[in-house]
N, C-alpha and C. Protein backbone atom coordinates (compact mmCIF):
# COMPACT_ATOMS: atom_id res chain seq x y z
N MET A 1 112.55 110.63 49.44
CA MET A 1 111.74 109.50 48.96
C MET A 1 112.23 108.19 49.57
N LYS A 2 113.58 108.01 49.56
CA LYS A 2 114.14 106.79 50.12
C LYS A 2 113.89 106.71 51.63
N LYS A 3 114.04 107.86 52.33
CA LYS A 3 113.79 107.87 53.78
C LYS A 3 112.35 107.51 54.09
N THR A 4 111.45 108.04 53.27
CA THR A 4 110.02 107.74 53.47
C THR A 4 109.76 106.26 53.26
N LEU A 5 110.39 105.69 52.25
CA LEU A 5 110.20 104.26 51.97
C LEU A 5 110.74 103.40 53.10
N VAL A 6 111.93 103.78 53.61
CA VAL A 6 112.53 103.02 54.72
C VAL A 6 111.64 103.09 55.96
N LEU A 7 111.13 104.27 56.28
CA LEU A 7 110.25 104.43 57.44
C LEU A 7 108.97 103.62 57.28
N ALA A 8 108.44 103.61 56.06
CA ALA A 8 107.22 102.85 55.79
C ALA A 8 107.45 101.36 55.98
N VAL A 9 108.62 100.87 55.49
CA VAL A 9 108.95 99.45 55.65
C VAL A 9 109.12 99.09 57.12
N LEU A 10 109.81 99.95 57.87
CA LEU A 10 109.99 99.70 59.32
C LEU A 10 108.66 99.68 60.05
N LEU A 11 107.77 100.58 59.69
CA LEU A 11 106.46 100.63 60.31
C LEU A 11 105.67 99.37 60.03
N ILE A 12 105.71 98.93 58.79
CA ILE A 12 104.99 97.70 58.41
C ILE A 12 105.55 96.50 59.15
N LEU A 13 106.90 96.42 59.25
CA LEU A 13 107.52 95.31 59.96
C LEU A 13 107.16 95.32 61.44
N THR A 14 107.13 96.52 62.04
CA THR A 14 106.75 96.64 63.45
C THR A 14 105.33 96.15 63.68
N MET A 15 104.42 96.59 62.83
CA MET A 15 103.02 96.16 62.95
C MET A 15 102.89 94.66 62.74
N PHE A 16 103.69 94.13 61.79
CA PHE A 16 103.62 92.69 61.50
C PHE A 16 104.07 91.86 62.69
N PHE A 17 105.24 92.22 63.25
CA PHE A 17 105.76 91.45 64.37
C PHE A 17 104.92 91.63 65.63
N SER A 18 104.35 92.82 65.80
CA SER A 18 103.48 93.04 66.96
C SER A 18 102.23 92.19 66.86
N SER A 19 101.62 92.14 65.68
CA SER A 19 100.43 91.32 65.49
C SER A 19 100.75 89.85 65.61
N LEU A 20 101.96 89.45 65.16
CA LEU A 20 102.38 88.06 65.30
C LEU A 20 102.53 87.69 66.76
N SER A 21 103.13 88.60 67.53
CA SER A 21 103.30 88.35 68.97
C SER A 21 101.96 88.21 69.65
N MET A 22 100.98 89.10 69.33
CA MET A 22 99.66 89.04 69.94
C MET A 22 98.95 87.74 69.58
N ALA A 23 99.21 87.23 68.37
CA ALA A 23 98.56 86.00 67.94
C ALA A 23 99.09 84.80 68.70
N LEU A 24 100.30 84.92 69.27
CA LEU A 24 100.92 83.81 69.98
C LEU A 24 100.65 83.86 71.48
N ILE A 25 100.03 84.91 71.97
CA ILE A 25 99.75 85.07 73.39
C ILE A 25 98.25 85.28 73.59
N TYR A 26 97.65 84.44 74.41
CA TYR A 26 96.23 84.55 74.69
C TYR A 26 96.03 84.83 76.18
N VAL A 27 95.25 85.84 76.48
CA VAL A 27 94.96 86.22 77.86
C VAL A 27 93.46 86.11 78.09
N SER A 28 93.06 85.40 79.14
CA SER A 28 91.63 85.25 79.42
C SER A 28 91.40 85.26 80.94
N PRO A 29 90.26 85.77 81.36
CA PRO A 29 89.22 86.39 80.55
C PRO A 29 89.57 87.85 80.22
N ALA A 30 88.80 88.45 79.33
CA ALA A 30 89.03 89.86 78.99
C ALA A 30 88.58 90.78 80.12
N GLU A 31 87.62 90.32 80.91
CA GLU A 31 87.14 91.06 82.07
C GLU A 31 86.57 90.07 83.07
N LEU A 32 86.57 90.45 84.33
CA LEU A 32 86.00 89.58 85.37
C LEU A 32 85.42 90.42 86.50
N SER A 33 84.51 89.81 87.24
CA SER A 33 83.81 90.50 88.34
C SER A 33 84.09 89.80 89.66
N ILE A 34 84.29 90.61 90.69
CA ILE A 34 84.43 90.12 92.05
C ILE A 34 83.32 90.75 92.88
N THR A 35 82.34 89.94 93.26
CA THR A 35 81.19 90.43 94.02
C THR A 35 81.23 89.88 95.43
N MET A 36 81.22 90.78 96.40
CA MET A 36 81.26 90.38 97.81
C MET A 36 79.87 90.57 98.42
N LYS A 37 79.28 89.47 98.86
CA LYS A 37 77.93 89.51 99.43
C LYS A 37 77.94 89.32 100.95
N ASP A 38 78.75 88.37 101.42
CA ASP A 38 78.74 88.03 102.84
C ASP A 38 79.78 88.78 103.66
N GLY A 39 80.55 89.65 103.03
CA GLY A 39 81.57 90.39 103.76
C GLY A 39 82.76 90.68 102.86
N PHE A 40 83.67 91.49 103.36
CA PHE A 40 84.86 91.84 102.59
C PHE A 40 85.79 90.64 102.46
N ILE A 41 86.42 90.54 101.32
CA ILE A 41 87.39 89.46 101.08
C ILE A 41 88.77 89.96 101.47
N HIS A 42 89.46 89.17 102.27
CA HIS A 42 90.84 89.47 102.66
C HIS A 42 91.70 88.29 102.23
N GLY A 43 92.41 88.46 101.13
CA GLY A 43 93.25 87.38 100.63
C GLY A 43 92.84 86.98 99.22
N ASN A 44 93.03 85.70 98.92
CA ASN A 44 92.78 85.18 97.57
C ASN A 44 91.29 85.20 97.25
N THR A 45 90.93 85.83 96.13
CA THR A 45 89.53 85.89 95.72
C THR A 45 89.12 84.66 94.91
N SER A 46 90.11 83.80 94.58
CA SER A 46 89.92 82.62 93.71
C SER A 46 89.65 82.99 92.26
N LYS A 47 89.68 84.28 91.95
CA LYS A 47 89.53 84.72 90.56
C LYS A 47 90.92 84.67 89.90
N LYS A 48 90.97 84.02 88.73
CA LYS A 48 92.27 83.86 88.10
C LYS A 48 92.29 84.37 86.67
N ILE A 49 93.48 84.75 86.23
CA ILE A 49 93.72 85.19 84.86
C ILE A 49 94.73 84.21 84.27
N THR A 50 94.41 83.67 83.11
CA THR A 50 95.26 82.67 82.48
C THR A 50 95.94 83.27 81.24
N ILE A 51 97.25 83.09 81.17
CA ILE A 51 98.02 83.53 80.01
C ILE A 51 98.59 82.30 79.34
N LYS A 52 98.29 82.14 78.05
CA LYS A 52 98.74 80.97 77.30
C LYS A 52 99.74 81.38 76.23
N ASN A 53 100.83 80.65 76.16
CA ASN A 53 101.87 80.89 75.17
C ASN A 53 101.80 79.79 74.10
N THR A 54 101.38 80.15 72.90
CA THR A 54 101.30 79.17 71.81
C THR A 54 102.46 79.31 70.83
N GLY A 55 103.44 80.15 71.21
CA GLY A 55 104.58 80.36 70.32
C GLY A 55 105.68 79.35 70.54
N ASN A 56 106.80 79.59 69.91
CA ASN A 56 107.95 78.69 69.98
C ASN A 56 108.99 79.13 71.00
N ASP A 57 108.82 80.33 71.55
CA ASP A 57 109.79 80.86 72.53
C ASP A 57 109.09 81.16 73.85
N SER A 58 109.84 81.01 74.93
CA SER A 58 109.29 81.36 76.23
C SER A 58 109.33 82.87 76.41
N PHE A 59 108.51 83.36 77.33
CA PHE A 59 108.54 84.79 77.63
C PHE A 59 108.23 85.01 79.10
N ASN A 60 108.60 86.18 79.59
CA ASN A 60 108.41 86.53 81.00
C ASN A 60 107.17 87.42 81.13
N ALA A 61 106.16 86.93 81.84
CA ALA A 61 104.91 87.68 82.03
C ALA A 61 104.94 88.40 83.38
N THR A 62 104.76 89.71 83.35
CA THR A 62 104.64 90.51 84.56
C THR A 62 103.36 91.33 84.46
N TRP A 63 103.05 92.09 85.50
CA TRP A 63 101.80 92.85 85.50
C TRP A 63 101.96 94.14 86.29
N TYR A 64 101.03 95.06 86.05
CA TYR A 64 100.91 96.26 86.88
C TYR A 64 99.43 96.65 86.92
N ILE A 65 99.05 97.37 87.97
CA ILE A 65 97.65 97.73 88.19
C ILE A 65 97.49 99.24 88.08
N GLY A 66 96.43 99.67 87.42
CA GLY A 66 96.21 101.09 87.25
C GLY A 66 94.73 101.44 87.14
N HIS A 67 94.44 102.73 87.24
CA HIS A 67 93.07 103.21 87.06
C HIS A 67 92.77 103.34 85.56
N PRO A 68 91.59 102.94 85.15
CA PRO A 68 91.22 103.13 83.74
C PRO A 68 90.99 104.61 83.44
N ASP A 69 91.22 104.98 82.21
CA ASP A 69 90.92 106.35 81.79
C ASP A 69 89.41 106.58 81.90
N GLU A 70 89.04 107.79 82.31
CA GLU A 70 87.63 108.09 82.54
C GLU A 70 86.78 107.85 81.30
N THR A 71 87.35 108.07 80.13
CA THR A 71 86.60 107.87 78.89
C THR A 71 86.42 106.39 78.55
N LEU A 72 87.24 105.52 79.16
CA LEU A 72 87.16 104.09 78.87
C LEU A 72 86.47 103.30 79.98
N ARG A 73 86.31 103.93 81.15
CA ARG A 73 85.70 103.25 82.29
C ARG A 73 84.21 103.04 82.05
N ARG A 74 83.68 101.92 82.55
CA ARG A 74 82.25 101.64 82.43
C ARG A 74 81.44 102.73 83.13
N PRO A 75 80.26 103.08 82.60
CA PRO A 75 79.48 104.21 83.13
C PRO A 75 79.07 104.06 84.59
N ASN A 76 78.81 102.83 85.03
CA ASN A 76 78.31 102.62 86.39
C ASN A 76 79.43 102.28 87.38
N LYS A 77 80.68 102.52 86.99
CA LYS A 77 81.82 102.19 87.85
C LYS A 77 82.62 103.44 88.22
N THR A 78 83.31 103.34 89.36
CA THR A 78 84.22 104.40 89.79
C THR A 78 85.60 103.78 90.04
N CYS A 79 86.58 104.64 90.27
CA CYS A 79 87.93 104.15 90.50
C CYS A 79 88.09 103.68 91.95
N MET A 80 88.89 102.68 92.13
CA MET A 80 89.20 102.17 93.46
C MET A 80 90.01 103.24 94.20
N PRO A 81 89.65 103.57 95.45
CA PRO A 81 90.35 104.64 96.17
C PRO A 81 91.84 104.40 96.37
N ASP A 82 92.22 103.14 96.58
CA ASP A 82 93.62 102.82 96.88
C ASP A 82 94.00 101.53 96.16
N LEU A 83 94.93 101.63 95.22
CA LEU A 83 95.32 100.45 94.44
C LEU A 83 96.14 99.44 95.25
N SER A 84 96.59 99.84 96.45
CA SER A 84 97.33 98.90 97.29
C SER A 84 96.39 97.83 97.87
N TRP A 85 95.09 98.01 97.72
CA TRP A 85 94.13 97.03 98.22
C TRP A 85 93.98 95.83 97.30
N ILE A 86 94.55 95.91 96.12
CA ILE A 86 94.43 94.81 95.16
C ILE A 86 95.82 94.40 94.70
N SER A 87 96.02 93.09 94.56
CA SER A 87 97.32 92.59 94.13
C SER A 87 97.11 91.32 93.32
N VAL A 88 98.18 90.85 92.71
CA VAL A 88 98.13 89.64 91.88
C VAL A 88 99.32 88.76 92.25
N GLU A 89 99.08 87.47 92.30
CA GLU A 89 100.14 86.51 92.56
C GLU A 89 100.14 85.44 91.47
N PRO A 90 101.32 85.04 91.00
CA PRO A 90 102.66 85.50 91.39
C PRO A 90 103.00 86.87 90.80
N LYS A 91 104.12 87.42 91.24
CA LYS A 91 104.54 88.73 90.75
C LYS A 91 104.94 88.66 89.28
N TRP A 92 105.53 87.55 88.88
CA TRP A 92 105.94 87.33 87.50
C TRP A 92 106.02 85.84 87.24
N GLN A 93 106.03 85.48 85.99
CA GLN A 93 106.07 84.05 85.65
C GLN A 93 106.67 83.88 84.26
N ILE A 94 107.67 83.01 84.16
CA ILE A 94 108.23 82.67 82.85
C ILE A 94 107.37 81.54 82.27
N ILE A 95 106.80 81.79 81.11
CA ILE A 95 105.89 80.82 80.49
C ILE A 95 106.59 80.19 79.30
N PRO A 96 106.89 78.89 79.39
CA PRO A 96 107.56 78.21 78.27
C PRO A 96 106.65 78.13 77.04
N ALA A 97 107.24 77.76 75.93
CA ALA A 97 106.48 77.60 74.69
C ALA A 97 105.41 76.53 74.86
N ASP A 98 104.24 76.80 74.28
CA ASP A 98 103.11 75.87 74.33
C ASP A 98 102.73 75.51 75.77
N ASP A 99 102.72 76.51 76.62
CA ASP A 99 102.35 76.29 78.02
C ASP A 99 101.54 77.50 78.50
N SER A 100 101.04 77.44 79.72
CA SER A 100 100.23 78.53 80.26
C SER A 100 100.53 78.72 81.74
N ALA A 101 100.08 79.85 82.28
CA ALA A 101 100.27 80.17 83.70
C ALA A 101 99.03 80.88 84.22
N ASP A 102 98.71 80.64 85.49
CA ASP A 102 97.56 81.26 86.14
C ASP A 102 98.04 82.30 87.14
N PHE A 103 97.35 83.44 87.14
CA PHE A 103 97.61 84.52 88.09
C PHE A 103 96.33 84.76 88.90
N TYR A 104 96.45 84.83 90.23
CA TYR A 104 95.28 84.97 91.10
C TYR A 104 95.21 86.38 91.70
N ILE A 105 93.99 86.87 91.83
CA ILE A 105 93.75 88.23 92.34
C ILE A 105 93.52 88.18 93.85
N TYR A 106 94.21 89.04 94.57
CA TYR A 106 94.07 89.16 96.02
C TYR A 106 93.50 90.53 96.37
N LEU A 107 92.68 90.57 97.44
CA LEU A 107 92.11 91.82 97.91
C LEU A 107 92.35 91.98 99.41
N ASP A 108 92.45 93.22 99.84
CA ASP A 108 92.52 93.53 101.27
C ASP A 108 91.94 94.92 101.47
N ILE A 109 90.61 95.01 101.40
CA ILE A 109 89.91 96.29 101.50
C ILE A 109 89.51 96.53 102.96
N PRO A 110 89.81 97.70 103.52
CA PRO A 110 89.42 97.97 104.92
C PRO A 110 87.91 97.86 105.10
N GLU A 111 87.51 97.28 106.20
CA GLU A 111 86.08 97.13 106.50
C GLU A 111 85.58 98.43 107.12
N ASN A 112 85.25 99.34 106.25
CA ASN A 112 84.83 100.68 106.65
C ASN A 112 83.52 101.01 105.97
N LYS A 113 82.64 101.70 106.68
CA LYS A 113 81.32 102.03 106.11
C LYS A 113 81.44 102.90 104.86
N ASP A 114 82.57 103.61 104.72
CA ASP A 114 82.77 104.45 103.53
C ASP A 114 82.98 103.63 102.27
N PHE A 115 83.34 102.34 102.44
CA PHE A 115 83.63 101.49 101.29
C PHE A 115 82.55 100.43 101.08
N VAL A 116 81.39 100.63 101.69
CA VAL A 116 80.28 99.69 101.54
C VAL A 116 79.46 100.06 100.30
N ASN A 117 78.97 99.02 99.62
CA ASN A 117 78.11 99.20 98.43
C ASN A 117 78.78 100.08 97.37
N ARG A 118 80.03 99.75 97.08
CA ARG A 118 80.78 100.47 96.05
C ARG A 118 80.96 99.58 94.83
N HIS A 119 81.10 100.23 93.69
CA HIS A 119 81.24 99.51 92.43
C HIS A 119 82.44 100.11 91.70
N TRP A 120 83.56 99.41 91.80
CA TRP A 120 84.82 99.93 91.28
C TRP A 120 85.25 99.19 90.02
N GLU A 121 86.08 99.86 89.25
CA GLU A 121 86.72 99.23 88.10
C GLU A 121 88.20 99.57 88.11
N THR A 122 89.02 98.56 87.97
CA THR A 122 90.46 98.75 87.86
C THR A 122 90.98 97.85 86.75
N TRP A 123 92.14 98.19 86.23
CA TRP A 123 92.70 97.41 85.13
C TRP A 123 94.00 96.74 85.58
N ILE A 124 94.11 95.45 85.30
CA ILE A 124 95.35 94.72 85.50
C ILE A 124 95.96 94.50 84.13
N THR A 125 97.10 95.11 83.91
CA THR A 125 97.76 95.04 82.61
C THR A 125 98.95 94.10 82.67
N PHE A 126 98.95 93.11 81.80
CA PHE A 126 100.05 92.15 81.74
C PHE A 126 101.04 92.55 80.65
N LYS A 127 102.31 92.43 81.00
CA LYS A 127 103.39 92.69 80.05
C LYS A 127 104.11 91.38 79.79
N ALA A 128 104.27 91.04 78.55
CA ALA A 128 104.94 89.79 78.18
C ALA A 128 106.11 90.12 77.27
N GLY A 129 107.30 90.17 77.83
CA GLY A 129 108.50 90.47 77.05
C GLY A 129 109.26 89.21 76.76
N ALA A 130 109.67 89.03 75.51
CA ALA A 130 110.43 87.84 75.13
C ALA A 130 111.78 87.83 75.81
N GLN A 131 112.17 86.67 76.34
CA GLN A 131 113.47 86.56 76.99
C GLN A 131 114.61 86.72 75.99
N GLU A 132 114.40 86.20 74.79
CA GLU A 132 115.46 86.22 73.80
C GLU A 132 115.70 87.62 73.23
N HIS A 133 114.63 88.42 73.17
CA HIS A 133 114.75 89.74 72.56
C HIS A 133 114.11 90.80 73.45
N PRO A 134 114.66 91.03 74.66
CA PRO A 134 114.06 92.03 75.55
C PRO A 134 114.09 93.41 74.92
N GLY A 135 112.95 94.08 74.98
CA GLY A 135 112.86 95.42 74.42
C GLY A 135 112.67 95.43 72.93
N GLY A 136 112.51 94.26 72.31
CA GLY A 136 112.36 94.18 70.87
C GLY A 136 110.91 94.20 70.44
N PHE A 137 110.66 93.66 69.24
CA PHE A 137 109.32 93.69 68.67
C PHE A 137 108.33 92.86 69.47
N PHE A 138 108.84 91.92 70.26
CA PHE A 138 107.95 90.94 70.87
C PHE A 138 107.41 91.38 72.22
N ASN A 139 107.57 92.63 72.59
CA ASN A 139 106.94 93.14 73.80
C ASN A 139 105.43 93.20 73.59
N PHE A 140 104.67 92.91 74.66
CA PHE A 140 103.22 92.77 74.53
C PHE A 140 102.56 93.26 75.80
N GLU A 141 101.45 93.97 75.68
CA GLU A 141 100.67 94.40 76.84
C GLU A 141 99.20 94.10 76.60
N HIS A 142 98.54 93.65 77.64
CA HIS A 142 97.11 93.34 77.53
C HIS A 142 96.43 93.68 78.86
N ALA A 143 95.42 94.53 78.82
CA ALA A 143 94.71 94.97 80.03
C ALA A 143 93.43 94.16 80.23
N ILE A 144 93.19 93.78 81.47
CA ILE A 144 91.96 93.08 81.85
C ILE A 144 91.14 93.98 82.75
N ARG A 145 89.88 94.13 82.42
CA ARG A 145 88.99 94.93 83.27
C ARG A 145 88.57 94.09 84.48
N VAL A 146 88.73 94.66 85.67
CA VAL A 146 88.32 93.97 86.90
C VAL A 146 87.27 94.83 87.61
N TYR A 147 86.07 94.26 87.79
CA TYR A 147 84.98 94.96 88.46
C TYR A 147 84.87 94.43 89.89
N ILE A 148 84.85 95.34 90.85
CA ILE A 148 84.80 94.96 92.27
C ILE A 148 83.56 95.58 92.90
N ASP A 149 82.66 94.73 93.38
CA ASP A 149 81.44 95.18 94.07
C ASP A 149 81.56 94.81 95.54
N THR A 150 81.60 95.82 96.40
CA THR A 150 81.74 95.57 97.84
C THR A 150 80.38 95.22 98.45
N PRO A 151 80.38 94.64 99.68
CA PRO A 151 79.11 94.27 100.32
C PRO A 151 78.19 95.47 100.51
N GLU A 152 76.90 95.21 100.53
CA GLU A 152 75.92 96.29 100.71
C GLU A 152 75.92 96.83 102.13
N LYS A 153 76.36 96.03 103.07
CA LYS A 153 76.44 96.48 104.46
C LYS A 153 77.47 95.64 105.19
N ILE A 154 77.91 96.16 106.34
CA ILE A 154 78.86 95.45 107.18
C ILE A 154 78.08 94.66 108.22
N GLU A 155 78.28 93.36 108.23
CA GLU A 155 77.59 92.51 109.20
C GLU A 155 78.22 92.68 110.57
N LYS A 156 77.39 92.98 111.58
CA LYS A 156 77.89 93.13 112.95
C LYS A 156 77.90 91.78 113.63
N ASN A 157 78.83 91.62 114.54
CA ASN A 157 78.92 90.39 115.32
C ASN A 157 77.85 90.42 116.40
N ASN A 158 76.91 89.47 116.34
CA ASN A 158 75.80 89.43 117.30
C ASN A 158 76.25 89.11 118.71
N ASP A 159 77.48 88.59 118.86
CA ASP A 159 77.97 88.23 120.18
C ASP A 159 78.51 89.42 120.94
N GLN A 160 78.57 90.59 120.26
CA GLN A 160 79.10 91.77 120.91
C GLN A 160 78.16 92.94 120.74
N LYS A 161 77.95 93.69 121.80
CA LYS A 161 77.09 94.86 121.77
C LYS A 161 77.78 96.01 122.49
N ASP A 162 77.86 97.15 121.77
CA ASP A 162 78.43 98.37 122.34
C ASP A 162 79.82 98.15 122.88
N GLY A 163 80.59 97.30 122.24
CA GLY A 163 81.97 97.10 122.63
C GLY A 163 82.14 96.22 123.85
N VAL A 164 81.05 95.67 124.41
CA VAL A 164 81.13 94.80 125.58
C VAL A 164 80.98 93.37 125.13
N SER A 165 81.89 92.53 125.54
CA SER A 165 81.83 91.13 125.14
C SER A 165 80.66 90.44 125.81
N ALA A 166 79.85 89.75 125.04
CA ALA A 166 78.73 89.01 125.57
C ALA A 166 79.19 87.64 126.03
N VAL A 167 78.55 87.11 127.04
CA VAL A 167 78.89 85.79 127.57
C VAL A 167 77.81 84.82 127.15
N SER A 168 78.19 83.73 126.54
CA SER A 168 77.22 82.74 126.07
C SER A 168 76.65 81.97 127.24
N ALA A 169 75.56 81.24 126.96
CA ALA A 169 74.90 80.45 128.01
C ALA A 169 75.83 79.39 128.55
N ASP A 170 76.61 78.74 127.66
CA ASP A 170 77.55 77.71 128.11
C ASP A 170 78.60 78.30 129.03
N ASP A 171 79.07 79.51 128.68
CA ASP A 171 80.07 80.16 129.53
C ASP A 171 79.48 80.48 130.90
N GLN A 172 78.19 80.92 130.93
CA GLN A 172 77.54 81.22 132.19
C GLN A 172 77.43 79.97 133.06
N ILE A 173 77.08 78.85 132.44
CA ILE A 173 76.97 77.59 133.19
C ILE A 173 78.32 77.20 133.77
N ASN A 174 79.38 77.35 132.93
CA ASN A 174 80.71 76.99 133.40
C ASN A 174 81.14 77.88 134.56
N ILE A 175 80.80 79.18 134.47
CA ILE A 175 81.15 80.11 135.54
C ILE A 175 80.41 79.73 136.83
N GLN A 176 79.12 79.40 136.70
CA GLN A 176 78.33 79.02 137.88
C GLN A 176 78.90 77.77 138.52
N ILE A 177 79.25 76.77 137.69
CA ILE A 177 79.80 75.53 138.23
C ILE A 177 81.11 75.80 138.94
N THR A 178 81.93 76.65 138.34
CA THR A 178 83.22 76.98 138.95
C THR A 178 83.01 77.66 140.30
N ASN A 179 82.04 78.56 140.38
CA ASN A 179 81.77 79.25 141.66
C ASN A 179 81.29 78.26 142.71
N ILE A 180 80.44 77.32 142.32
CA ILE A 180 79.94 76.33 143.27
C ILE A 180 81.08 75.48 143.80
N GLU A 181 81.99 75.08 142.89
CA GLU A 181 83.14 74.28 143.32
C GLU A 181 84.01 75.06 144.29
N LEU A 182 84.19 76.34 144.03
CA LEU A 182 85.02 77.17 144.91
C LEU A 182 84.39 77.29 146.29
N VAL A 183 83.09 77.50 146.33
CA VAL A 183 82.38 77.59 147.61
C VAL A 183 82.50 76.28 148.37
N GLY A 184 82.39 75.15 147.64
CA GLY A 184 82.50 73.84 148.28
C GLY A 184 83.86 73.63 148.91
N VAL A 185 84.92 74.02 148.22
CA VAL A 185 86.27 73.87 148.74
C VAL A 185 86.45 74.72 150.00
N ILE A 186 85.94 75.95 149.94
CA ILE A 186 86.05 76.83 151.11
C ILE A 186 85.32 76.24 152.32
N MET A 187 84.14 75.68 152.09
CA MET A 187 83.37 75.08 153.18
C MET A 187 84.10 73.90 153.79
N ILE A 188 84.72 73.07 152.92
CA ILE A 188 85.47 71.91 153.43
C ILE A 188 86.64 72.37 154.29
N ILE A 189 87.34 73.41 153.83
CA ILE A 189 88.47 73.93 154.60
C ILE A 189 88.00 74.46 155.95
N LEU A 190 86.87 75.18 155.94
CA LEU A 190 86.33 75.70 157.21
C LEU A 190 85.95 74.57 158.16
N VAL A 191 85.36 73.50 157.61
CA VAL A 191 84.97 72.36 158.45
C VAL A 191 86.21 71.73 159.06
N ILE A 192 87.28 71.55 158.27
CA ILE A 192 88.52 70.94 158.77
C ILE A 192 89.13 71.81 159.87
N ILE A 193 89.15 73.13 159.63
CA ILE A 193 89.70 74.03 160.64
C ILE A 193 88.88 73.97 161.93
N SER A 194 87.56 73.92 161.79
CA SER A 194 86.68 73.85 162.96
C SER A 194 86.93 72.57 163.75
N LEU A 195 87.12 71.44 163.05
CA LEU A 195 87.38 70.16 163.73
C LEU A 195 88.70 70.21 164.47
N ILE A 196 89.72 70.82 163.87
CA ILE A 196 91.03 70.92 164.52
C ILE A 196 90.93 71.76 165.80
N ILE A 197 90.24 72.90 165.69
CA ILE A 197 90.09 73.77 166.86
C ILE A 197 89.29 73.05 167.94
N PHE A 198 88.25 72.30 167.53
CA PHE A 198 87.42 71.59 168.51
C PHE A 198 88.23 70.53 169.24
N LYS A 199 89.08 69.81 168.50
CA LYS A 199 89.89 68.77 169.13
C LYS A 199 90.90 69.37 170.11
N LYS A 200 91.48 70.48 169.75
CA LYS A 200 92.44 71.13 170.63
C LYS A 200 91.80 71.56 171.92
N LYS A 201 90.60 72.13 171.81
CA LYS A 201 89.90 72.57 173.01
C LYS A 201 89.52 71.38 173.88
N LYS A 202 89.15 70.28 173.25
CA LYS A 202 88.72 69.09 174.01
C LYS A 202 89.88 68.46 174.73
N SER A 203 91.07 68.50 174.08
CA SER A 203 92.25 67.92 174.69
C SER A 203 92.81 68.84 175.79
């Protein structure tokens, strides 16, 4: 009976402190979308996640990325083929009391036809462990749903066809002018040589 009572008290205290910790940490947004229309994004997507600390103690916020469980994933989404294509900066951040920090999402998806018109979902989970009590009641995790929609098609460079570099009209004009100048120089040299030979013969 006493053991049961002690376990019940510990459980209640754990739930209390966990809920208190969650009340002091706010993460927004709960989900966000990254839609690529004009091409693949390589680098900062400008999408940010804000973590606010309204408590009296600072804590260290870190993150990890994972695939959502199939039962929790949105019906129209699939898993990202390679989680190394998505990252968050900074890697970690110590957030003082009554302060906040922004984390930015980075992408580097290969420009491949296999990854065109895809609709992925991945989760970025933030861990906020109290500096004063690491591993204690004040550990906190919060997952953010991230939806990634890739471009519907890969835009081809109109300046290139079949792997052959195209030459613009300006480049053609410059080439023609350069050729004319070269011909002119050669003609002048030939005229000078002809005059020298003519003078020698005359003398």
